[in-house]
Amino acid sequence: MAGNQKPGATLPAAREILSSDPDPSRRSLAAAELGRTGGEEAVDALIGALRDPVKEVRASAAAALAAIGPPALGPLIGVLADGNWVVRYRAAEALGEIRDGRSVTALIHALCDGRDHVRYMAAKGLGKLGEKRARRPLTVALADENPFVRRAAQEALAALA
């Protein structure tokens, strides 16, 4: 922080950049800053950034939500039902990184998502959680039509062993 600026003083500026700056690099940096300093106050802005048209911004937002941790669980679980598969994919990614057992049921449901990207990330996240109750749904995912989903399920099951 420059000079006598308070730590929370950058939050409104970072939220503004994240929502309206035309430069995706600046939006990505703003998302990262919100993940480092914003805490629960930044969750809504970062959830919104999961809808950004630029992949790198969405990735930064997901990483920032993961860094915030448990305060982001409820909103992330909520967007697993979003109509946009990219949002669901990034939400599943962040939930896996948070590694909180309260997201297991939501990630198990995401194993049945219509998009293979979401199923892949759900399987990967379940492997990181290490919850034994995911064993049966992951075993079913071994027969998924997508080879990446099958591999993620296999790796997740190995992590549960």
Protein backbone atom coordinates (compact mmCIF):
# COMPACT_ATOMS: atom_id res chain seq x y z
CA MET A 1 0.00 0.00 0.00
CA ALA A 2 1.28 3.42 -0.87
CA GLY A 3 1.63 6.08 1.80
CA ASN A 4 -1.00 6.13 4.49
CA GLN A 5 -3.64 4.28 2.49
CA LYS A 6 -5.72 1.88 4.60
CA PRO A 7 -5.70 -1.81 3.55
CA GLY A 8 -9.43 -1.81 2.77
CA ALA A 9 -9.20 1.37 0.71
CA THR A 10 -8.27 -0.52 -2.44
CA LEU A 11 -11.30 -2.81 -2.33
CA PRO A 12 -13.77 -0.44 -4.01
CA ALA A 13 -11.18 0.41 -6.67
CA ALA A 14 -10.42 -3.27 -7.32
CA ARG A 15 -14.14 -4.09 -7.56
CA GLU A 16 -14.61 -1.24 -10.03
CA ILE A 17 -11.70 -2.40 -12.18
CA LEU A 18 -12.96 -5.98 -12.09
CA SER A 19 -16.43 -5.00 -13.25
CA SER A 20 -15.70 -2.37 -15.86
CA ASP A 21 -12.08 -1.98 -16.95
CA PRO A 22 -11.65 -2.78 -20.66
CA ASP A 23 -8.19 -4.28 -20.06
CA PRO A 24 -8.43 -7.99 -19.16
CA SER A 25 -4.96 -7.91 -17.59
CA ARG A 26 -6.10 -5.23 -15.17
CA ARG A 27 -9.28 -7.20 -14.42
CA SER A 28 -7.19 -10.31 -13.68
CA LEU A 29 -4.93 -8.35 -11.35
CA ALA A 30 -7.95 -6.83 -9.62
CA ALA A 31 -9.40 -10.31 -9.06
CA ALA A 32 -6.12 -11.48 -7.55
CA GLU A 33 -6.00 -8.42 -5.30
CA LEU A 34 -9.53 -9.07 -4.10
CA GLY A 35 -8.56 -12.64 -3.30
CA ARG A 36 -5.62 -11.43 -1.21
CA THR A 37 -7.30 -8.58 0.62
CA GLY A 38 -11.04 -8.61 0.08
CA GLY A 39 -12.22 -11.55 2.13
CA GLU A 40 -15.95 -12.09 2.34
CA GLU A 41 -16.64 -8.57 1.06
CA ALA A 42 -15.13 -9.50 -2.32
CA VAL A 43 -17.06 -12.71 -2.93
CA ASP A 44 -19.98 -11.22 -4.87
CA ALA A 45 -17.70 -9.26 -7.21
CA LEU A 46 -15.57 -12.35 -7.83
CA ILE A 47 -18.62 -14.53 -8.47
CA GLY A 48 -19.64 -11.95 -11.07
CA ALA A 49 -16.17 -12.17 -12.61
CA LEU A 50 -16.71 -15.89 -13.26
CA ARG A 51 -18.89 -14.61 -16.12
CA ASP A 52 -16.13 -12.46 -17.62
CA PRO A 53 -15.69 -13.00 -21.38
CA VAL A 54 -11.93 -13.55 -20.95
CA LYS A 55 -10.69 -16.94 -19.75
CA GLU A 56 -7.76 -15.52 -17.77
CA VAL A 57 -10.03 -13.22 -15.79
CA ARG A 58 -12.35 -16.11 -14.96
CA ALA A 59 -9.35 -18.17 -13.86
CA SER A 60 -8.09 -15.33 -11.64
CA ALA A 61 -11.54 -14.94 -10.11
CA ALA A 62 -11.75 -18.68 -9.36
CA ALA A 63 -8.30 -18.63 -7.77
CA ALA A 64 -9.25 -15.58 -5.72
CA LEU A 65 -12.44 -17.25 -4.50
CA ALA A 66 -10.41 -20.31 -3.52
CA ALA A 67 -8.00 -18.04 -1.62
CA ILE A 68 -10.91 -16.50 0.27
CA GLY A 69 -11.97 -20.00 1.25
CA PRO A 70 -15.03 -20.95 3.32
CA PRO A 71 -16.82 -17.59 3.02
CA ALA A 72 -17.08 -18.28 -0.72
CA LEU A 73 -18.57 -21.80 -0.35
CA GLY A 74 -22.26 -20.91 -0.41
CA PRO A 75 -22.07 -18.60 -3.42
CA LEU A 76 -19.86 -21.07 -5.32
CA ILE A 77 -22.22 -23.95 -4.61
CA GLY A 78 -25.06 -21.72 -5.80
CA VAL A 79 -23.45 -21.00 -9.15
CA LEU A 80 -22.96 -24.71 -9.84
CA ALA A 81 -26.55 -24.40 -11.11
CA ASP A 82 -25.74 -21.46 -13.41
CA GLY A 83 -26.90 -21.74 -17.01
CA ASN A 84 -23.38 -21.04 -18.28
CA TRP A 85 -21.14 -24.10 -18.17
CA VAL A 86 -18.00 -21.95 -17.93
CA VAL A 87 -19.27 -20.48 -14.65
CA ARG A 88 -20.05 -23.99 -13.34
CA TYR A 89 -16.58 -25.19 -14.40
CA ARG A 90 -14.80 -22.39 -12.55
CA ALA A 91 -17.04 -22.81 -9.50
CA ALA A 92 -16.20 -26.52 -9.32
CA GLU A 93 -12.52 -25.65 -9.68
CA ALA A 94 -12.63 -23.17 -6.79
CA LEU A 95 -14.60 -25.56 -4.58
CA GLY A 96 -11.96 -28.24 -5.07
CA GLU A 97 -9.21 -25.81 -4.18
CA ILE A 98 -10.99 -24.70 -0.99
CA ARG A 99 -11.02 -28.35 0.15
CA ASP A 100 -13.98 -28.03 2.48
CA GLY A 101 -16.11 -31.13 3.00
CA ARG A 102 -19.30 -29.06 2.87
CA SER A 103 -18.94 -28.92 -0.92
CA VAL A 104 -18.86 -32.70 -1.45
CA THR A 105 -22.57 -33.13 -2.18
CA ALA A 106 -22.55 -30.26 -4.69
CA LEU A 107 -19.48 -31.64 -6.46
CA ILE A 108 -21.01 -35.12 -6.56
CA HIS A 109 -24.06 -33.62 -8.29
CA ALA A 110 -21.73 -31.80 -10.69
CA LEU A 111 -20.38 -35.21 -11.78
CA CYS A 112 -23.68 -35.53 -13.67
CA ASP A 113 -23.45 -32.14 -15.39
CA GLY A 114 -24.27 -32.04 -19.09
CA ARG A 115 -20.86 -30.56 -19.88
CA ASP A 116 -17.77 -32.74 -19.69
CA HIS A 117 -15.60 -29.81 -18.55
CA VAL A 118 -17.73 -29.45 -15.42
CA ARG A 119 -17.73 -33.20 -14.75
CA TYR A 120 -13.94 -33.22 -15.12
CA MET A 121 -13.45 -30.39 -12.63
CA ALA A 122 -15.94 -31.94 -10.20
CA ALA A 123 -14.02 -35.23 -10.25
CA LYS A 124 -10.74 -33.41 -9.80
CA GLY A 125 -12.16 -31.43 -6.89
CA LEU A 126 -13.54 -34.52 -5.19
CA GLY A 127 -10.08 -36.05 -5.32
CA LYS A 128 -8.67 -33.03 -3.51
CA LEU A 129 -11.34 -33.24 -0.83
CA GLY A 130 -10.48 -36.83 0.06
CA GLU A 131 -14.02 -37.65 1.14
CA LYS A 132 -14.78 -41.37 1.16
CA ARG A 133 -18.47 -40.78 0.35
CA ALA A 134 -17.37 -39.66 -3.12
CA ARG A 135 -16.00 -43.12 -3.90
CA ARG A 136 -19.19 -44.56 -5.41
CA PRO A 137 -20.03 -41.54 -7.65
CA LEU A 138 -16.41 -41.40 -8.80
CA THR A 139 -16.55 -45.10 -9.63
CA VAL A 140 -19.58 -44.42 -11.82
CA ALA A 141 -17.62 -41.58 -13.48
CA LEU A 142 -15.01 -44.13 -14.58
CA ALA A 143 -17.50 -45.01 -17.34
CA ASP A 144 -17.97 -41.39 -18.48
CA GLU A 145 -17.94 -40.85 -22.24
CA ASN A 146 -15.11 -38.32 -21.91
CA PRO A 147 -11.58 -39.68 -21.39
CA PHE A 148 -10.52 -36.64 -19.34
CA VAL A 149 -13.41 -37.14 -16.94
CA ARG A 150 -12.52 -40.83 -16.63
CA ARG A 151 -8.88 -39.96 -15.91
CA ALA A 152 -9.84 -37.34 -13.30
CA ALA A 153 -12.18 -39.87 -11.64
CA GLN A 154 -9.42 -42.48 -11.64
CA GLU A 155 -6.94 -40.05 -10.09
CA ALA A 156 -9.52 -38.95 -7.53
CA LEU A 157 -10.19 -42.55 -6.53
CA ALA A 158 -6.47 -43.17 -6.18
CA ALA A 159 -6.28 -40.18 -3.86
CA LEU A 160 -9.08 -41.66 -1.76
CA ALA A 161 -7.32 -45.02 -1.35
